[in-house]
Amino acid sequence: MINDKRKILLVDDEAGLRDLVKKYLMNAGFEVTEAADGLEADKRLDQDSFDLVILDVRMPKMDGISLCKKIRSENHSLPILFLTAKGEESDRLLGFECGADDYVVK
């Protein structure tokens, strides 16, 4: 049987927020893989393919901006959404400049 669910990589260092967002996404029919930091997310991206990456900006080991740049250097078409507490205009511009498709403030 082929799994036709869209796969999302959810990357945030806050476990409670990951759990909440994951529940909503799964209820909407998505398959969700979690990562607690940028390095873990990078490994998961090497192991599997995803239809969307949802990233926090501030994370340990590798921040979301660095991961976004790395993803863009390897995959120009993978949609990237920042979901972050950093809501200043300069933060949003940086997110878009590094290759994000959208930027949502928590």
C-alpha atoms as a PDB file:
ATOM      1  CA  MET A   1       0.000   0.000   0.000  1.00  0.00           C
ATOM      2  CA  ILE A   2       1.347   3.403  -0.947  1.00  0.00           C
ATOM      3  CA  ASN A   3       1.343   6.089   1.743  1.00  0.00           C
ATOM      4  CA  ASP A   4      -0.219   9.150   0.125  1.00  0.00           C
ATOM      5  CA  LYS A   5      -0.030  11.408   3.183  1.00  0.00           C
ATOM      6  CA  ARG A   6       2.012  14.571   2.787  1.00  0.00           C
ATOM      7  CA  LYS A   7       5.111  14.460   4.952  1.00  0.00           C
ATOM      8  CA  ILE A   8       6.155  17.402   7.097  1.00  0.00           C
ATOM      9  CA  LEU A   9       9.398  17.855   9.013  1.00  0.00           C
ATOM     10  CA  LEU A  10       8.649  19.896  12.143  1.00  0.00           C
ATOM     11  CA  VAL A  11      11.776  21.445  13.691  1.00  0.00           C
ATOM     12  CA  ASP A  12      11.568  23.236  17.048  1.00  0.00           C
ATOM     13  CA  ASP A  13      13.467  22.910  20.312  1.00  0.00           C
ATOM     14  CA  GLU A  14      10.294  23.384  22.395  1.00  0.00           C
ATOM     15  CA  ALA A  15       8.803  19.914  22.886  1.00  0.00           C
ATOM     16  CA  GLY A  16       5.421  21.240  24.031  1.00  0.00           C
ATOM     17  CA  LEU A  17       5.015  23.372  20.938  1.00  0.00           C
ATOM     18  CA  ARG A  18       6.114  20.496  18.684  1.00  0.00           C
ATOM     19  CA  ASP A  19       3.500  18.247  20.312  1.00  0.00           C
ATOM     20  CA  LEU A  20       0.729  20.804  19.820  1.00  0.00           C
ATOM     21  CA  VAL A  21       1.576  21.597  16.194  1.00  0.00           C
ATOM     22  CA  LYS A  22       2.068  17.895  15.428  1.00  0.00           C
ATOM     23  CA  LYS A  23      -1.412  17.057  16.778  1.00  0.00           C
ATOM     24  CA  TYR A  24      -3.036  19.704  14.563  1.00  0.00           C
ATOM     25  CA  LEU A  25      -1.099  18.594  11.498  1.00  0.00           C
ATOM     26  CA  MET A  26      -1.837  14.916  12.068  1.00  0.00           C
ATOM     27  CA  ASN A  27      -5.539  15.689  12.563  1.00  0.00           C
ATOM     28  CA  ALA A  28      -5.417  17.445   9.195  1.00  0.00           C
ATOM     29  CA  GLY A  29      -4.049  14.257   7.606  1.00  0.00           C
ATOM     30  CA  PHE A  30      -0.320  14.960   7.466  1.00  0.00           C
ATOM     31  CA  GLU A  31       2.479  12.604   8.456  1.00  0.00           C
ATOM     32  CA  VAL A  32       4.805  14.492  10.826  1.00  0.00           C
ATOM     33  CA  THR A  33       8.441  13.830  11.676  1.00  0.00           C
ATOM     34  CA  GLU A  34       9.945  15.830  14.521  1.00  0.00           C
ATOM     35  CA  ALA A  35      13.416  17.210  15.163  1.00  0.00           C
ATOM     36  CA  ALA A  36      14.534  19.136  18.249  1.00  0.00           C
ATOM     37  CA  ASP A  37      17.374  21.054  16.595  1.00  0.00           C
ATOM     38  CA  GLY A  38      18.887  21.899  13.240  1.00  0.00           C
ATOM     39  CA  LEU A  39      21.453  19.094  13.221  1.00  0.00           C
ATOM     40  CA  GLU A  40      18.822  16.454  13.927  1.00  0.00           C
ATOM     41  CA  ALA A  41      16.653  17.961  11.180  1.00  0.00           C
ATOM     42  CA  ASP A  42      19.558  17.903   8.729  1.00  0.00           C
ATOM     43  CA  LYS A  43      20.035  14.183   9.414  1.00  0.00           C
ATOM     44  CA  ARG A  44      16.336  13.502   8.912  1.00  0.00           C
ATOM     45  CA  LEU A  45      16.421  15.385   5.601  1.00  0.00           C
ATOM     46  CA  ASP A  46      19.257  13.103   4.473  1.00  0.00           C
ATOM     47  CA  GLN A  47      17.267   9.999   5.481  1.00  0.00           C
ATOM     48  CA  ASP A  48      13.846  10.828   4.056  1.00  0.00           C
ATOM     49  CA  SER A  49      12.009  13.157   1.701  1.00  0.00           C
ATOM     50  CA  PHE A  50       9.455  15.711   2.867  1.00  0.00           C
ATOM     51  CA  ASP A  51       6.789  17.890   1.305  1.00  0.00           C
ATOM     52  CA  LEU A  52       7.302  20.775   3.758  1.00  0.00           C
ATOM     53  CA  VAL A  53       9.721  21.867   6.476  1.00  0.00           C
ATOM     54  CA  ILE A  54       8.457  23.961   9.384  1.00  0.00           C
ATOM     55  CA  LEU A  55      11.360  25.647  11.200  1.00  0.00           C
ATOM     56  CA  ASP A  56      11.954  27.672  14.324  1.00  0.00           C
ATOM     57  CA  VAL A  57      14.687  30.320  14.063  1.00  0.00           C
ATOM     58  CA  ARG A  58      16.332  29.954  17.471  1.00  0.00           C
ATOM     59  CA  MET A  59      17.496  26.406  18.095  1.00  0.00           C
ATOM     60  CA  PRO A  60      20.570  24.768  19.574  1.00  0.00           C
ATOM     61  CA  LYS A  61      23.323  23.115  17.516  1.00  0.00           C
ATOM     62  CA  MET A  62      22.163  24.650  14.200  1.00  0.00           C
ATOM     63  CA  ASP A  63      19.730  27.567  14.035  1.00  0.00           C
ATOM     64  CA  GLY A  64      16.849  27.727  11.596  1.00  0.00           C
ATOM     65  CA  ILE A  65      18.439  30.364   9.355  1.00  0.00           C
ATOM     66  CA  SER A  66      21.534  28.203   8.839  1.00  0.00           C
ATOM     67  CA  LEU A  67      19.409  25.129   8.188  1.00  0.00           C
ATOM     68  CA  CYS A  68      17.217  27.038   5.735  1.00  0.00           C
ATOM     69  CA  LYS A  69      20.290  28.172   3.797  1.00  0.00           C
ATOM     70  CA  LYS A  70      21.621  24.594   3.738  1.00  0.00           C
ATOM     71  CA  ILE A  71      18.300  23.214   2.522  1.00  0.00           C
ATOM     72  CA  ARG A  72      18.122  25.861  -0.207  1.00  0.00           C
ATOM     73  CA  SER A  73      21.650  25.052  -1.369  1.00  0.00           C
ATOM     74  CA  GLU A  74      20.601  21.411  -1.847  1.00  0.00           C
ATOM     75  CA  ASN A  75      16.900  21.615  -2.747  1.00  0.00           C
ATOM     76  CA  HIS A  76      15.434  24.703  -4.357  1.00  0.00           C
ATOM     77  CA  SER A  77      11.869  23.430  -4.474  1.00  0.00           C
ATOM     78  CA  LEU A  78      11.222  22.110  -0.934  1.00  0.00           C
ATOM     79  CA  PRO A  79       8.773  24.516   0.750  1.00  0.00           C
ATOM     80  CA  ILE A  80      10.068  26.043   3.996  1.00  0.00           C
ATOM     81  CA  LEU A  81       7.895  27.794   6.577  1.00  0.00           C
ATOM     82  CA  PHE A  82       9.339  29.591   9.580  1.00  0.00           C
ATOM     83  CA  LEU A  83       7.175  29.309  12.707  1.00  0.00           C
ATOM     84  CA  THR A  84       8.983  31.439  15.259  1.00  0.00           C
ATOM     85  CA  ALA A  85       8.730  33.953  18.073  1.00  0.00           C
ATOM     86  CA  LYS A  86      11.082  36.339  16.267  1.00  0.00           C
ATOM     87  CA  GLY A  87       8.606  38.770  14.739  1.00  0.00           C
ATOM     88  CA  GLU A  88      10.524  41.947  13.976  1.00  0.00           C
ATOM     89  CA  GLU A  89      10.500  43.090  10.354  1.00  0.00           C
ATOM     90  CA  SER A  90      14.259  42.540  10.114  1.00  0.00           C
ATOM     91  CA  ASP A  91      13.784  38.924  11.309  1.00  0.00           C
ATOM     92  CA  ARG A  92      11.122  38.312   8.692  1.00  0.00           C
ATOM     93  CA  LEU A  93      13.277  39.812   5.944  1.00  0.00           C
ATOM     94  CA  LEU A  94      16.207  37.615   6.983  1.00  0.00           C
ATOM     95  CA  GLY A  95      13.931  34.575   6.855  1.00  0.00           C
ATOM     96  CA  PHE A  96      12.826  35.374   3.324  1.00  0.00           C
ATOM     97  CA  GLU A  97      16.362  36.281   2.226  1.00  0.00           C
ATOM     98  CA  CYS A  98      17.670  32.885   3.324  1.00  0.00           C
ATOM     99  CA  GLY A  99      15.022  31.142   1.229  1.00  0.00           C
ATOM    100  CA  ALA A 100      11.856  30.700   3.303  1.00  0.00           C
ATOM    101  CA  ASP A 101       8.554  30.536   1.467  1.00  0.00           C
ATOM    102  CA  ASP A 102       6.604  31.960   4.387  1.00  0.00           C
ATOM    103  CA  TYR A 103       7.210  33.331   7.886  1.00  0.00           C
ATOM    104  CA  VAL A 104       4.641  32.991  10.676  1.00  0.00           C
ATOM    105  CA  VAL A 105       5.080  34.455  14.164  1.00  0.00           C
ATOM    106  CA  LYS A 106       4.006  32.220  17.060  1.00  0.00           C
END
